[in-house]
Amino acid sequence: MPVTVTYELTDLGRSLQIVMRGIKDWAEGHMEEVLTHRDGYDHRQCDAAD
């Protein structure tokens, strides 16, 4: 039988789940806008390097 390891969050770690879910939901809800701004930033950096 192979050795197995089981990981689980502590109560402290579990207390972050609501916060992390909120960040995940925000990121997914704003992904298009984030990508648009990132592309704009990348283009400005390329232009500045020229």
PDB file of N, CA and C in Angstrom:
ATOM      1  N   MET A   1       0.848  -1.173   0.000  1.00  0.00           N
ATOM      2  CA  MET A   1       0.000   0.000   0.000  1.00  0.00           C
ATOM      3  C   MET A   1       0.900   1.246   0.000  1.00  0.00           C
ATOM      4  N   PRO A   2       0.664   2.177  -0.956  1.00  0.00           N
ATOM      5  CA  PRO A   2       1.507   3.376  -1.004  1.00  0.00           C
ATOM      6  C   PRO A   2       1.213   4.314   0.162  1.00  0.00           C
ATOM      7  N   VAL A   3       2.219   5.085   0.516  1.00  0.00           N
ATOM      8  CA  VAL A   3       2.073   6.063   1.588  1.00  0.00           C
ATOM      9  C   VAL A   3       1.185   7.197   1.087  1.00  0.00           C
ATOM     10  N   THR A   4       0.272   7.638   1.906  1.00  0.00           N
ATOM     11  CA  THR A   4      -0.580   8.761   1.532  1.00  0.00           C
ATOM     12  C   THR A   4      -0.467   9.850   2.590  1.00  0.00           C
ATOM     13  N   VAL A   5      -0.692  11.067   2.147  1.00  0.00           N
ATOM     14  CA  VAL A   5      -0.677  12.214   3.056  1.00  0.00           C
ATOM     15  C   VAL A   5      -1.984  12.965   2.843  1.00  0.00           C
ATOM     16  N   THR A   6      -2.617  13.335   3.920  1.00  0.00           N
ATOM     17  CA  THR A   6      -3.856  14.099   3.835  1.00  0.00           C
ATOM     18  C   THR A   6      -3.602  15.490   4.401  1.00  0.00           C
ATOM     19  N   TYR A   7      -3.907  16.491   3.593  1.00  0.00           N
ATOM     20  CA  TYR A   7      -3.764  17.875   4.026  1.00  0.00           C
ATOM     21  C   TYR A   7      -5.149  18.468   4.243  1.00  0.00           C
ATOM     22  N   GLU A   8      -5.275  19.322   5.220  1.00  0.00           N
ATOM     23  CA  GLU A   8      -6.517  20.051   5.405  1.00  0.00           C
ATOM     24  C   GLU A   8      -6.194  21.378   6.074  1.00  0.00           C
ATOM     25  N   LEU A   9      -7.071  22.341   5.840  1.00  0.00           N
ATOM     26  CA  LEU A   9      -6.890  23.655   6.437  1.00  0.00           C
ATOM     27  C   LEU A   9      -7.175  23.626   7.928  1.00  0.00           C
ATOM     28  N   THR A  10      -6.468  24.461   8.628  1.00  0.00           N
ATOM     29  CA  THR A  10      -6.779  24.664  10.038  1.00  0.00           C
ATOM     30  C   THR A  10      -8.008  25.570  10.123  1.00  0.00           C
ATOM     31  N   ASP A  11      -8.516  25.753  11.323  1.00  0.00           N
ATOM     32  CA  ASP A  11      -9.636  26.685  11.500  1.00  0.00           C
ATOM     33  C   ASP A  11      -9.239  28.083  11.033  1.00  0.00           C
ATOM     34  N   LEU A  12      -8.003  28.483  11.302  1.00  0.00           N
ATOM     35  CA  LEU A  12      -7.526  29.798  10.872  1.00  0.00           C
ATOM     36  C   LEU A  12      -7.516  29.891   9.350  1.00  0.00           C
ATOM     37  N   GLY A  13      -7.030  28.861   8.709  1.00  0.00           N
ATOM     38  CA  GLY A  13      -7.030  28.832   7.243  1.00  0.00           C
ATOM     39  C   GLY A  13      -8.438  28.848   6.672  1.00  0.00           C
ATOM     40  N   ARG A  14      -9.321  28.086   7.285  1.00  0.00           N
ATOM     41  CA  ARG A  14     -10.709  28.057   6.819  1.00  0.00           C
ATOM     42  C   ARG A  14     -11.373  29.423   6.960  1.00  0.00           C
ATOM     43  N   SER A  15     -10.935  30.211   7.952  1.00  0.00           N
ATOM     44  CA  SER A  15     -11.533  31.529   8.139  1.00  0.00           C
ATOM     45  C   SER A  15     -11.229  32.461   6.966  1.00  0.00           C
ATOM     46  N   LEU A  16     -10.244  32.137   6.157  1.00  0.00           N
ATOM     47  CA  LEU A  16      -9.914  32.940   4.976  1.00  0.00           C
ATOM     48  C   LEU A  16     -10.717  32.556   3.742  1.00  0.00           C
ATOM     49  N   GLN A  17     -11.419  31.450   3.786  1.00  0.00           N
ATOM     50  CA  GLN A  17     -12.129  30.980   2.602  1.00  0.00           C
ATOM     51  C   GLN A  17     -13.125  32.002   2.069  1.00  0.00           C
ATOM     52  N   ILE A  18     -13.856  32.672   2.919  1.00  0.00           N
ATOM     53  CA  ILE A  18     -14.839  33.658   2.476  1.00  0.00           C
ATOM     54  C   ILE A  18     -14.130  34.824   1.792  1.00  0.00           C
ATOM     55  N   VAL A  19     -13.030  35.271   2.394  1.00  0.00           N
ATOM     56  CA  VAL A  19     -12.263  36.375   1.813  1.00  0.00           C
ATOM     57  C   VAL A  19     -11.701  35.966   0.452  1.00  0.00           C
ATOM     58  N   MET A  20     -11.090  34.801   0.384  1.00  0.00           N
ATOM     59  CA  MET A  20     -10.479  34.341  -0.864  1.00  0.00           C
ATOM     60  C   MET A  20     -11.539  34.107  -1.942  1.00  0.00           C
ATOM     61  N   ARG A  21     -12.705  33.611  -1.561  1.00  0.00           N
ATOM     62  CA  ARG A  21     -13.780  33.423  -2.531  1.00  0.00           C
ATOM     63  C   ARG A  21     -14.219  34.775  -3.094  1.00  0.00           C
ATOM     64  N   GLY A  22     -14.272  35.794  -2.226  1.00  0.00           N
ATOM     65  CA  GLY A  22     -14.618  37.134  -2.684  1.00  0.00           C
ATOM     66  C   GLY A  22     -13.606  37.672  -3.680  1.00  0.00           C
ATOM     67  N   ILE A  23     -12.323  37.456  -3.411  1.00  0.00           N
ATOM     68  CA  ILE A  23     -11.272  37.897  -4.343  1.00  0.00           C
ATOM     69  C   ILE A  23     -11.392  37.139  -5.659  1.00  0.00           C
ATOM     70  N   LYS A  24     -11.627  35.842  -5.583  1.00  0.00           N
ATOM     71  CA  LYS A  24     -11.781  35.023  -6.792  1.00  0.00           C
ATOM     72  C   LYS A  24     -12.983  35.498  -7.615  1.00  0.00           C
ATOM     73  N   ASP A  25     -14.104  35.725  -6.946  1.00  0.00           N
ATOM     74  CA  ASP A  25     -15.310  36.184  -7.642  1.00  0.00           C
ATOM     75  C   ASP A  25     -15.073  37.545  -8.293  1.00  0.00           C
ATOM     76  N   TRP A  26     -14.392  38.441  -7.581  1.00  0.00           N
ATOM     77  CA  TRP A  26     -14.095  39.760  -8.134  1.00  0.00           C
ATOM     78  C   TRP A  26     -13.210  39.626  -9.373  1.00  0.00           C
ATOM     79  N   ALA A  27     -12.163  38.816  -9.260  1.00  0.00           N
ATOM     80  CA  ALA A  27     -11.229  38.639 -10.378  1.00  0.00           C
ATOM     81  C   ALA A  27     -11.942  38.055 -11.596  1.00  0.00           C
ATOM     82  N   GLU A  28     -12.774  37.060 -11.381  1.00  0.00           N
ATOM     83  CA  GLU A  28     -13.503  36.468 -12.507  1.00  0.00           C
ATOM     84  C   GLU A  28     -14.494  37.460 -13.111  1.00  0.00           C
ATOM     85  N   GLY A  29     -15.124  38.264 -12.275  1.00  0.00           N
ATOM     86  CA  GLY A  29     -16.092  39.231 -12.758  1.00  0.00           C
ATOM     87  C   GLY A  29     -15.468  40.404 -13.493  1.00  0.00           C
ATOM     88  N   HIS A  30     -14.179  40.654 -13.260  1.00  0.00           N
ATOM     89  CA  HIS A  30     -13.492  41.789 -13.872  1.00  0.00           C
ATOM     90  C   HIS A  30     -12.363  41.358 -14.809  1.00  0.00           C
ATOM     91  N   MET A  31     -12.340  40.078 -15.174  1.00  0.00           N
ATOM     92  CA  MET A  31     -11.213  39.547 -15.941  1.00  0.00           C
ATOM     93  C   MET A  31     -10.996  40.293 -17.250  1.00  0.00           C
ATOM     94  N   GLU A  32     -12.049  40.571 -17.991  1.00  0.00           N
ATOM     95  CA  GLU A  32     -11.890  41.247 -19.281  1.00  0.00           C
ATOM     96  C   GLU A  32     -11.266  42.627 -19.091  1.00  0.00           C
ATOM     97  N   GLU A  33     -11.740  43.352 -18.081  1.00  0.00           N
ATOM     98  CA  GLU A  33     -11.207  44.686 -17.804  1.00  0.00           C
ATOM     99  C   GLU A  33      -9.742  44.620 -17.363  1.00  0.00           C
ATOM    100  N   VAL A  34      -9.408  43.650 -16.522  1.00  0.00           N
ATOM    101  CA  VAL A  34      -8.027  43.475 -16.067  1.00  0.00           C
ATOM    102  C   VAL A  34      -7.123  43.180 -17.260  1.00  0.00           C
ATOM    103  N   LEU A  35      -7.551  42.276 -18.132  1.00  0.00           N
ATOM    104  CA  LEU A  35      -6.739  41.933 -19.301  1.00  0.00           C
ATOM    105  C   LEU A  35      -6.566  43.125 -20.232  1.00  0.00           C
ATOM    106  N   THR A  36      -7.619  43.917 -20.410  1.00  0.00           N
ATOM    107  CA  THR A  36      -7.532  45.104 -21.251  1.00  0.00           C
ATOM    108  C   THR A  36      -6.515  46.089 -20.686  1.00  0.00           C
ATOM    109  N   HIS A  37      -6.576  46.330 -19.392  1.00  0.00           N
ATOM    110  CA  HIS A  37      -5.622  47.251 -18.757  1.00  0.00           C
ATOM    111  C   HIS A  37      -4.205  46.694 -18.805  1.00  0.00           C
ATOM    112  N   ARG A  38      -4.063  45.392 -18.628  1.00  0.00           N
ATOM    113  CA  ARG A  38      -2.733  44.779 -18.690  1.00  0.00           C
ATOM    114  C   ARG A  38      -2.137  44.939 -20.073  1.00  0.00           C
ATOM    115  N   ASP A  39      -2.951  44.706 -21.106  1.00  0.00           N
ATOM    116  CA  ASP A  39      -2.465  44.872 -22.477  1.00  0.00           C
ATOM    117  C   ASP A  39      -2.048  46.315 -22.741  1.00  0.00           C
ATOM    118  N   GLY A  40      -2.843  47.276 -22.249  1.00  0.00           N
ATOM    119  CA  GLY A  40      -2.495  48.682 -22.408  1.00  0.00           C
ATOM    120  C   GLY A  40      -1.181  49.014 -21.724  1.00  0.00           C
ATOM    121  N   TYR A  41      -0.988  48.485 -20.533  1.00  0.00           N
ATOM    122  CA  TYR A  41       0.263  48.697 -19.807  1.00  0.00           C
ATOM    123  C   TYR A  41       1.432  48.105 -20.586  1.00  0.00           C
ATOM    124  N   ASP A  42       1.276  46.874 -21.066  1.00  0.00           N
ATOM    125  CA  ASP A  42       2.343  46.222 -21.820  1.00  0.00           C
ATOM    126  C   ASP A  42       2.716  47.036 -23.053  1.00  0.00           C
ATOM    127  N   HIS A  43       1.726  47.552 -23.765  1.00  0.00           N
ATOM    128  CA  HIS A  43       2.004  48.347 -24.969  1.00  0.00           C
ATOM    129  C   HIS A  43       2.732  49.639 -24.609  1.00  0.00           C
ATOM    130  N   ARG A  44       2.350  50.277 -23.518  1.00  0.00           N
ATOM    131  CA  ARG A  44       3.030  51.509 -23.096  1.00  0.00           C
ATOM    132  C   ARG A  44       4.470  51.227 -22.714  1.00  0.00           C
ATOM    133  N   GLN A  45       4.728  50.069 -22.085  1.00  0.00           N
ATOM    134  CA  GLN A  45       6.090  49.712 -21.717  1.00  0.00           C
ATOM    135  C   GLN A  45       6.946  49.472 -22.948  1.00  0.00           C
ATOM    136  N   CYS A  46       6.364  48.829 -23.956  1.00  0.00           N
ATOM    137  CA  CYS A  46       7.081  48.591 -25.214  1.00  0.00           C
ATOM    138  C   CYS A  46       7.393  49.906 -25.916  1.00  0.00           C
ATOM    139  N   ASP A  47       6.425  50.821 -25.932  1.00  0.00           N
ATOM    140  CA  ASP A  47       6.620  52.122 -26.569  1.00  0.00           C
ATOM    141  C   ASP A  47       7.692  52.919 -25.844  1.00  0.00           C
ATOM    142  N   ALA A  48       7.742  52.841 -24.541  1.00  0.00           N
ATOM    143  CA  ALA A  48       8.721  53.577 -23.745  1.00  0.00           C
ATOM    144  C   ALA A  48      10.132  53.033 -23.952  1.00  0.00           C
ATOM    145  N   ALA A  49      10.228  51.745 -24.261  1.00  0.00           N
ATOM    146  CA  ALA A  49      11.534  51.119 -24.459  1.00  0.00           C
ATOM    147  C   ALA A  49      12.135  51.458 -25.819  1.00  0.00           C
ATOM    148  N   ASP A  50      11.301  51.907 -26.741  1.00  0.00           N
ATOM    149  CA  ASP A  50      11.795  52.221 -28.093  1.00  0.00           C
ATOM    150  C   ASP A  50      12.543  53.508 -28.150  1.00  0.00           C
TER     151      ASP A  50
END
